[in-house]
Amino acid sequence: MATIVLNWELGAALGHIGRYLTLALRLREHGHRPVLVLRDISQAESVLGPHGIEFLQAPVWLTRVQGLPPDLNLTETLFRFGFLKPDGLLSMAKAWHAVWDLLQPQLMLFDHAPTALLAARGFGAPRMIFGNSFALPPRVCPLPRYRWWTDGAGHPPRGNGRRTTQNCNLVLTRLGAPPIAQLADLFEAEATYICARPKLDAYGERADGDYIGPINSLSMGSDPVWPSGDGPPVFAYLKSDYKHLDGLLGAIGKSRARYLIYAAGLSEHMRRRHESEHVAFSVTPVRMSEVVKQCAAIICHGGGMTDIALDNGKPVLLLPTQMEQTMTSHRVDALGAGLFLPLDGNPGALPKLVTRLLDDDELAVRAAEYRAQLPGIDQSLAVDRVVERCEAREDHSRGSW
């Protein structure tokens, strides 16, 4: 039996935990001990507890870095999480070491965990990077810019990560670990799997990308209970703090469709204000394996829910709240399989977008075409492949894979 630690550092919502849960259950079936070290454990007991999966709180950078311009690439995003402050970065790395010293892993996995990857250099356990495309930028210098759909005019490069690389190497020297030559080296690992489809890669399709497809926890939650009526069923997975939520729910209330909505943390006042004969709210996550069989379309912010929808040929309305979701929205728009309201978009457009999601037949056609072109969507095969690679290290000396 191997202790396998699955680390998650940046990001939000249930997607990261759901992906890890799917893998952890399979690892345990094979006789291993999976332990999840998570950025956010607020929902860990409700999601992982019923399965008896161990979890710990991850080290998290809490200090807000002031005065930074909008991020142009992942290098600049890391500025916000300690990479401008060597002493703070060292503290984070040592905290990661303390967690791993406690667990004594034979293998470590990383999902959107750049500081953990820094700390893992020279730690002694093999590393596997396993996550979505945004968290795994192409290993180029400088790292690719986020806004690929613009020509970059007015946004000249602000360096190639030299300062960040220097700070990383100061930390690595203190840890007695090998240095990096460029920031992209932070993403070195004995194995790397991109949990995405090539056409939805945030940075664009990569010739050398090892795409295993999305991995999500499709069985988590309760079965969907749709409002009665004749309208097409639409599922909405929303953030309760979405700045245009009230306007969106107002537009949904005037639609001809039947809506089932999950918005964690939604106030009872907001729920009562918008629920009706054809708009229902679920207080718990909903089993997506059933939702995608029954719904006509999905409204969400991006992330794994987009993969679930398009893998099943369902058009989407995306409401991005941050850069990763914005990048995904532009990829979906290029496919013609969905609509989106930009981060700075006019919320007055929401009623038309909600209506068009169902009335524009071309969206459903393009979503179905996308589904038909996929080589296969059995994510259990992808999970098996990852587990096999995890177990392959048992036949090799540590770190040699």
Protein backbone atom coordinates (compact mmCIF):
# COMPACT_ATOMS: atom_id res chain seq x y z
CA MET A 1 0.00 0.00 0.00
CA ALA A 2 1.31 3.43 -0.95
CA THR A 3 0.39 6.72 0.69
CA ILE A 4 -0.49 9.06 -2.18
CA VAL A 5 -1.00 12.73 -1.35
CA LEU A 6 -3.19 14.84 -3.64
CA ASN A 7 -2.44 18.56 -3.25
CA TRP A 8 -4.67 21.49 -4.22
CA GLU A 9 -3.59 25.10 -3.58
CA LEU A 10 -5.34 27.67 -5.84
CA GLY A 11 -8.84 28.02 -7.23
CA ALA A 12 -12.31 27.60 -5.79
CA ALA A 13 -15.57 25.61 -5.83
CA LEU A 14 -16.09 21.86 -5.94
CA GLY A 15 -14.34 21.03 -9.21
CA HIS A 16 -10.93 20.33 -7.69
CA ILE A 17 -12.32 18.22 -4.86
CA GLY A 18 -14.61 16.34 -7.24
CA ARG A 19 -11.73 15.50 -9.57
CA TYR A 20 -9.60 14.29 -6.70
CA LEU A 21 -12.46 12.30 -5.16
CA THR A 22 -12.92 10.35 -8.38
CA LEU A 23 -9.24 9.45 -8.44
CA ALA A 24 -8.95 8.84 -4.69
CA LEU A 25 -11.75 6.29 -4.72
CA ARG A 26 -10.05 4.34 -7.50
CA LEU A 27 -6.68 4.49 -5.73
CA ARG A 28 -8.27 3.10 -2.58
CA GLU A 29 -9.88 0.29 -4.58
CA HIS A 30 -6.34 -0.63 -5.59
CA GLY A 31 -5.25 -0.83 -1.96
CA HIS A 32 -3.59 2.58 -1.59
CA ARG A 33 -4.07 5.31 1.00
CA PRO A 34 -5.08 8.58 -0.70
CA VAL A 35 -4.89 11.74 1.41
CA LEU A 36 -6.21 15.05 0.07
CA VAL A 37 -4.51 18.30 1.13
CA LEU A 38 -7.01 20.98 0.18
CA ARG A 39 -7.11 24.74 -0.15
CA ASP A 40 -10.73 24.86 0.98
CA ILE A 41 -12.10 22.26 3.39
CA SER A 42 -15.42 24.01 4.03
CA GLN A 43 -17.30 21.35 2.02
CA ALA A 44 -14.78 18.53 2.41
CA GLU A 45 -16.70 16.64 5.08
CA SER A 46 -19.95 16.67 3.12
CA VAL A 47 -18.19 15.55 -0.07
CA LEU A 48 -15.41 13.28 1.22
CA GLY A 49 -16.74 12.24 4.62
CA PRO A 50 -19.33 9.76 3.33
CA HIS A 51 -16.52 7.95 1.49
CA GLY A 52 -14.08 7.97 4.41
CA ILE A 53 -11.43 9.81 2.41
CA GLU A 54 -8.80 11.54 4.55
CA PHE A 55 -8.18 15.26 4.10
CA LEU A 56 -6.08 18.04 5.61
CA GLN A 57 -6.00 21.82 5.27
CA ALA A 58 -3.37 23.03 2.80
CA PRO A 59 -1.04 25.96 3.50
CA VAL A 60 -2.73 29.03 2.00
CA TRP A 61 -1.34 32.50 1.18
CA LEU A 62 -3.68 34.96 2.91
CA THR A 63 -1.93 38.34 2.59
CA ARG A 64 -3.52 40.51 -0.07
CA VAL A 65 -0.91 42.05 -2.38
CA GLN A 66 -1.90 45.63 -3.18
CA GLY A 67 -1.19 47.86 -6.17
CA LEU A 68 -0.76 45.24 -8.88
CA PRO A 69 -2.15 45.83 -12.39
CA PRO A 70 -4.42 43.20 -14.01
CA ASP A 71 -2.56 39.94 -14.60
CA LEU A 72 -1.24 39.38 -18.11
CA ASN A 73 -0.20 35.76 -17.57
CA LEU A 74 0.25 33.15 -14.86
CA THR A 75 3.57 34.68 -13.82
CA GLU A 76 1.72 37.81 -12.73
CA THR A 77 -1.00 35.79 -11.03
CA LEU A 78 1.69 34.20 -8.88
CA PHE A 79 2.68 37.70 -7.74
CA ARG A 80 -0.55 37.65 -5.74
CA PHE A 81 0.32 34.43 -3.92
CA GLY A 82 3.69 35.06 -2.34
CA PHE A 83 6.08 34.84 -5.27
CA LEU A 84 7.16 38.47 -4.80
CA LYS A 85 8.17 37.84 -1.18
CA PRO A 86 10.98 35.28 -0.73
CA ASP A 87 10.59 35.01 3.05
CA GLY A 88 6.86 34.45 2.78
CA LEU A 89 7.37 31.99 -0.05
CA LEU A 90 9.87 30.08 2.08
CA SER A 91 7.35 29.96 4.92
CA MET A 92 4.79 28.45 2.58
CA ALA A 93 7.27 25.89 1.26
CA LYS A 94 8.26 24.85 4.78
CA ALA A 95 4.60 24.50 5.70
CA TRP A 96 4.11 22.15 2.77
CA HIS A 97 7.14 20.15 3.91
CA ALA A 98 5.63 19.88 7.39
CA VAL A 99 2.42 18.42 5.96
CA TRP A 100 4.29 15.91 3.82
CA ASP A 101 6.66 14.96 6.64
CA LEU A 102 3.57 14.04 8.63
CA LEU A 103 2.13 11.90 5.84
CA GLN A 104 5.33 10.36 4.39
CA PRO A 105 3.98 10.01 0.82
CA GLN A 106 5.37 7.61 -1.75
CA LEU A 107 3.84 9.74 -4.51
CA MET A 108 2.42 13.27 -4.74
CA LEU A 109 -0.14 14.72 -7.15
CA PHE A 110 -0.65 18.43 -7.82
CA ASP A 111 -3.72 20.28 -9.08
CA HIS A 112 -3.23 24.05 -9.45
CA ALA A 113 -0.57 24.00 -6.73
CA PRO A 114 2.43 26.13 -7.81
CA THR A 115 3.88 26.76 -4.33
CA ALA A 116 3.51 23.09 -3.50
CA LEU A 117 5.36 22.23 -6.73
CA LEU A 118 8.14 24.59 -5.71
CA ALA A 119 8.36 22.94 -2.30
CA ALA A 120 8.32 19.47 -3.88
CA ARG A 121 11.56 20.04 -5.78
CA GLY A 122 14.13 17.88 -4.06
CA PHE A 123 11.65 16.59 -1.48
CA GLY A 124 12.20 13.01 -2.58
CA ALA A 125 8.77 11.81 -3.68
CA PRO A 126 7.81 11.46 -7.36
CA ARG A 127 5.51 14.20 -8.67
CA MET A 128 2.53 13.97 -10.97
CA ILE A 129 0.73 17.07 -12.23
CA PHE A 130 -2.93 16.34 -12.79
CA GLY A 131 -5.28 19.21 -13.55
CA ASN A 132 -7.02 21.44 -16.03
CA SER A 133 -5.21 23.29 -18.80
CA PHE A 134 -5.18 26.72 -17.16
CA ALA A 135 -3.11 25.43 -14.24
CA LEU A 136 -0.63 23.78 -16.64
CA PRO A 137 0.70 26.50 -18.95
CA PRO A 138 2.92 25.50 -21.87
CA ARG A 139 6.53 25.45 -20.71
CA VAL A 140 7.74 28.50 -22.61
CA CYS A 141 9.46 31.71 -21.56
CA PRO A 142 7.69 33.99 -20.91
CA LEU A 143 4.57 32.07 -19.98
CA PRO A 144 1.78 32.68 -22.52
CA ARG A 145 -0.52 35.64 -22.05
CA TYR A 146 -4.08 35.14 -20.99
CA ARG A 147 -5.93 37.33 -23.49
CA TRP A 148 -5.06 35.34 -26.61
CA TRP A 149 -8.15 36.69 -28.44
CA THR A 150 -6.66 40.22 -28.54
CA ASP A 151 -3.61 41.44 -30.44
CA GLY A 152 -1.90 42.49 -27.21
CA ALA A 153 -1.80 46.16 -28.20
CA GLY A 154 -1.53 48.37 -25.15
CA HIS A 155 -0.37 45.45 -23.03
CA PRO A 156 3.39 45.15 -23.54
CA PRO A 157 5.15 42.30 -21.72
CA ARG A 158 6.28 43.15 -18.21
CA GLY A 159 9.31 40.90 -18.21
CA ASN A 160 9.75 37.16 -18.49
CA GLY A 161 9.43 36.18 -14.86
CA ARG A 162 13.06 36.88 -14.02
CA ARG A 163 12.27 38.31 -10.60
CA THR A 164 9.91 35.48 -9.79
CA THR A 165 12.51 32.93 -10.89
CA GLN A 166 15.11 34.58 -8.66
CA ASN A 167 12.76 34.47 -5.69
CA CYS A 168 12.04 30.80 -6.34
CA ASN A 169 15.74 30.04 -6.41
CA LEU A 170 16.33 31.88 -3.14
CA VAL A 171 13.77 29.56 -1.57
CA LEU A 172 15.18 26.47 -3.26
CA THR A 173 18.69 27.32 -2.05
CA ARG A 174 17.40 27.54 1.53
CA LEU A 175 15.70 24.17 1.08
CA GLY A 176 18.78 22.57 -0.47
CA ALA A 177 16.79 21.82 -3.63
CA PRO A 178 17.81 22.12 -7.31
CA PRO A 179 17.25 25.58 -8.88
CA ILE A 180 15.07 26.43 -11.86
CA ALA A 181 16.33 28.16 -15.01
CA GLN A 182 12.96 29.76 -15.83
CA LEU A 183 9.56 29.94 -14.21
CA ALA A 184 8.17 27.28 -16.54
CA ASP A 185 10.49 24.79 -14.83
CA LEU A 186 8.19 25.04 -11.83
CA PHE A 187 5.91 22.67 -13.73
CA GLU A 188 8.48 19.90 -14.10
CA ALA A 189 7.18 16.53 -12.96
CA GLU A 190 7.74 12.86 -13.56
CA ALA A 191 4.32 12.72 -15.23
CA THR A 192 1.84 15.36 -16.40
CA TYR A 193 -1.77 14.85 -17.45
CA ILE A 194 -4.03 17.60 -18.79
CA CYS A 195 -7.64 17.00 -17.73
CA ALA A 196 -9.13 18.78 -20.74
CA ARG A 197 -10.12 18.43 -24.37
CA PRO A 198 -7.64 19.95 -26.84
CA LYS A 199 -10.22 22.34 -28.34
CA LEU A 200 -10.98 23.76 -24.89
CA ASP A 201 -7.37 24.14 -23.76
CA ALA A 202 -7.22 27.61 -22.20
CA TYR A 203 -3.91 28.31 -23.99
CA GLY A 204 -4.73 26.57 -27.26
CA GLU A 205 -4.12 23.01 -28.42
CA ARG A 206 -0.59 21.70 -27.75
CA ALA A 207 1.17 19.23 -29.99
CA ASP A 208 2.94 17.70 -26.99
CA GLY A 209 0.02 17.86 -24.56
CA ASP A 210 -0.99 14.61 -22.86
CA TYR A 211 -4.75 15.15 -22.81
CA ILE A 212 -6.72 12.58 -20.85
CA GLY A 213 -10.01 14.47 -20.94
CA PRO A 214 -12.00 16.04 -18.12
CA ILE A 215 -12.35 14.12 -14.86
CA ASN A 216 -15.25 15.15 -12.67
CA SER A 217 -17.30 13.62 -9.89
CA LEU A 218 -20.48 13.04 -11.88
CA SER A 219 -22.29 10.96 -9.25
CA MET A 220 -21.91 13.43 -6.38
CA GLY A 221 -25.15 14.88 -5.03
CA SER A 222 -28.85 14.12 -5.27
CA ASP A 223 -30.94 13.24 -8.30
CA PRO A 224 -32.42 16.25 -10.13
CA VAL A 225 -36.01 17.18 -9.37
CA TRP A 226 -37.32 19.43 -12.13
CA PRO A 227 -40.25 21.83 -11.87
CA SER A 228 -43.41 20.61 -13.54
CA GLY A 229 -44.47 21.93 -16.91
CA ASP A 230 -43.84 21.56 -20.62
CA GLY A 231 -40.83 23.85 -21.09
CA PRO A 232 -37.37 22.47 -21.84
CA PRO A 233 -35.34 21.67 -18.69
CA VAL A 234 -32.29 23.87 -18.07
CA PHE A 235 -29.79 23.37 -15.26
CA ALA A 236 -27.93 26.33 -13.72
CA TYR A 237 -24.85 25.97 -11.51
CA LEU A 238 -24.20 29.42 -10.07
CA LYS A 239 -22.17 31.27 -7.48
CA SER A 240 -24.32 32.97 -4.88
CA ASP A 241 -22.00 36.00 -4.93
CA TYR A 242 -22.17 36.48 -8.71
CA LYS A 243 -22.55 40.23 -9.14
CA HIS A 244 -25.37 39.93 -11.67
CA LEU A 245 -27.19 37.06 -9.95
CA ASP A 246 -30.36 38.98 -9.21
CA GLY A 247 -30.67 40.15 -12.81
CA LEU A 248 -29.91 36.67 -14.11
CA LEU A 249 -32.55 35.05 -11.91
CA GLY A 250 -35.01 37.71 -13.02
CA ALA A 251 -34.33 36.82 -16.66
CA ILE A 252 -34.65 33.12 -15.88
CA GLY A 253 -38.01 33.75 -14.24
CA LYS A 254 -39.36 35.20 -17.48
CA SER A 255 -38.10 32.35 -19.65
CA ARG A 256 -40.29 29.65 -21.15
CA ALA A 257 -38.01 26.90 -19.79
CA ARG A 258 -38.07 24.91 -16.55
CA TYR A 259 -35.04 25.66 -14.40
CA LEU A 260 -33.29 23.70 -11.69
CA ILE A 261 -30.69 25.89 -9.97
CA TYR A 262 -27.89 25.05 -7.56
CA ALA A 263 -26.19 28.07 -5.99
CA ALA A 264 -24.28 27.18 -2.82
CA GLY A 265 -24.76 29.76 -0.08
CA LEU A 266 -27.78 31.41 -1.67
CA SER A 267 -29.82 33.28 0.92
CA GLU A 268 -33.32 32.11 1.73
CA HIS A 269 -34.58 35.58 0.86
CA MET A 270 -33.11 35.38 -2.65
CA ARG A 271 -34.41 31.86 -3.15
CA ARG A 272 -37.96 32.73 -2.11
CA ARG A 273 -37.89 35.84 -4.26
CA HIS A 274 -37.15 33.92 -7.45
CA GLU A 275 -38.59 30.43 -7.06
CA SER A 276 -41.80 29.78 -8.97
CA GLU A 277 -43.75 27.03 -10.68
CA HIS A 278 -41.02 26.69 -13.30
CA VAL A 279 -37.95 27.74 -11.26
CA ALA A 280 -36.71 25.40 -8.51
CA PHE A 281 -33.63 25.58 -6.31
CA SER A 282 -31.64 22.64 -4.96
CA VAL A 283 -30.00 23.11 -1.57
CA THR A 284 -27.49 20.33 -2.28
CA PRO A 285 -25.26 19.53 -5.27
CA VAL A 286 -27.09 17.69 -8.03
CA ARG A 287 -25.96 14.45 -9.64
CA MET A 288 -24.60 15.58 -12.99
CA SER A 289 -24.65 12.11 -14.54
CA GLU A 290 -28.45 12.39 -14.43
CA VAL A 291 -28.70 16.11 -15.18
CA VAL A 292 -26.94 15.81 -18.55
CA LYS A 293 -29.28 13.01 -19.62
CA GLN A 294 -32.32 15.15 -18.97
CA CYS A 295 -31.46 18.81 -19.59
CA ALA A 296 -31.58 20.81 -22.82
CA ALA A 297 -28.87 23.30 -21.83
CA ILE A 298 -26.70 24.44 -18.92
CA ILE A 299 -25.94 27.86 -17.44
CA CYS A 300 -22.74 28.14 -15.39
CA HIS A 301 -19.64 30.24 -14.88
CA GLY A 302 -17.14 27.93 -16.58
CA GLY A 303 -14.75 25.29 -15.29
CA GLY A 304 -15.65 21.62 -15.07
CA MET A 305 -19.34 22.24 -15.61
CA THR A 306 -18.53 23.45 -19.13
CA ASP A 307 -16.71 20.20 -19.86
CA ILE A 308 -19.61 18.16 -18.51
CA ALA A 309 -22.11 20.04 -20.66
CA LEU A 310 -20.18 19.94 -23.94
CA ASP A 311 -19.00 16.35 -23.47
CA ASN A 312 -22.70 15.50 -23.49
CA GLY A 313 -23.62 17.76 -26.38
CA LYS A 314 -25.44 20.41 -24.35
CA PRO A 315 -25.09 24.12 -25.26
CA VAL A 316 -24.02 26.50 -22.51
CA LEU A 317 -24.45 30.06 -21.35
CA LEU A 318 -21.26 31.04 -19.52
CA LEU A 319 -21.00 33.84 -16.97
CA PRO A 320 -17.27 34.13 -16.23
CA THR A 321 -16.19 35.68 -12.94
CA GLN A 322 -12.42 35.43 -13.43
CA MET A 323 -9.75 35.02 -16.09
CA GLU A 324 -9.68 31.24 -16.42
CA GLN A 325 -13.42 31.18 -17.02
CA THR A 326 -13.07 34.04 -19.50
CA MET A 327 -10.48 32.08 -21.48
CA THR A 328 -12.78 29.06 -21.54
CA SER A 329 -15.70 31.24 -22.64
CA HIS A 330 -13.77 32.43 -25.68
CA ARG A 331 -12.89 28.83 -26.61
CA VAL A 332 -16.55 27.83 -26.39
CA ASP A 333 -17.56 30.88 -28.41
CA ALA A 334 -15.07 29.87 -31.11
CA LEU A 335 -16.76 26.45 -31.26
CA GLY A 336 -20.16 28.08 -31.65
CA ALA A 337 -21.51 25.80 -28.90
CA GLY A 338 -22.36 28.46 -26.37
CA LEU A 339 -22.79 32.08 -25.36
CA PHE A 340 -21.18 34.20 -22.67
CA LEU A 341 -21.45 37.52 -20.88
CA PRO A 342 -17.94 39.01 -20.49
CA LEU A 343 -16.57 39.98 -17.10
CA ASP A 344 -17.25 43.62 -17.90
CA GLY A 345 -20.32 42.91 -20.01
CA ASN A 346 -23.63 44.73 -19.74
CA PRO A 347 -25.99 42.74 -17.48
CA GLY A 348 -28.83 44.20 -19.50
CA ALA A 349 -27.93 41.60 -22.13
CA LEU A 350 -28.82 38.69 -19.83
CA PRO A 351 -32.50 38.35 -20.85
CA LYS A 352 -31.56 38.06 -24.53
CA LEU A 353 -28.77 35.58 -23.75
CA VAL A 354 -31.08 33.42 -21.64
CA THR A 355 -33.66 33.40 -24.43
CA ARG A 356 -31.15 32.76 -27.20
CA LEU A 357 -29.64 29.77 -25.36
CA LEU A 358 -32.78 27.81 -26.22
CA ASP A 359 -34.07 29.61 -29.31
CA ASP A 360 -30.85 29.54 -31.35
CA ASP A 361 -30.87 26.01 -32.77
CA GLU A 362 -27.34 26.46 -34.11
CA LEU A 363 -25.96 26.35 -30.56
CA ALA A 364 -27.43 22.90 -29.97
CA VAL A 365 -26.22 21.73 -33.39
CA ARG A 366 -22.64 22.86 -32.71
CA ALA A 367 -22.68 21.33 -29.22
CA ALA A 368 -23.87 18.02 -30.68
CA GLU A 369 -21.16 18.19 -33.37
CA TYR A 370 -18.53 18.76 -30.69
CA ARG A 371 -19.78 15.72 -28.80
CA ALA A 372 -19.78 13.57 -31.93
CA GLN A 373 -16.14 14.42 -32.68
CA LEU A 374 -14.84 13.25 -29.31
CA PRO A 375 -12.82 10.02 -29.31
CA GLY A 376 -14.70 8.88 -26.21
CA ILE A 377 -16.03 10.29 -22.97
CA ASP A 378 -15.62 7.36 -20.59
CA GLN A 379 -13.65 9.13 -17.88
CA SER A 380 -13.13 5.85 -16.03
CA LEU A 381 -10.58 4.93 -18.70
CA ALA A 382 -8.68 8.15 -17.99
CA VAL A 383 -8.78 7.45 -14.25
CA ASP A 384 -7.49 3.92 -14.87
CA ARG A 385 -4.61 5.33 -16.89
CA VAL A 386 -3.62 7.71 -14.09
CA VAL A 387 -3.84 4.96 -11.48
CA GLU A 388 -1.69 2.67 -13.62
CA ARG A 389 0.94 5.40 -13.86
CA CYS A 390 0.78 5.93 -10.10
CA GLU A 391 1.39 2.25 -9.54
CA ALA A 392 4.18 2.07 -12.12
CA ARG A 393 6.50 3.81 -9.68
CA GLU A 394 6.31 0.73 -7.45
CA ASP A 395 8.42 -1.07 -10.06
CA HIS A 396 11.06 1.66 -10.30
CA SER A 397 13.41 3.36 -7.91
CA ARG A 398 12.08 6.55 -6.30
CA GLY A 399 11.74 9.42 -8.73
CA SER A 400 13.16 7.59 -11.76
CA TRP A 401 9.90 6.66 -13.54
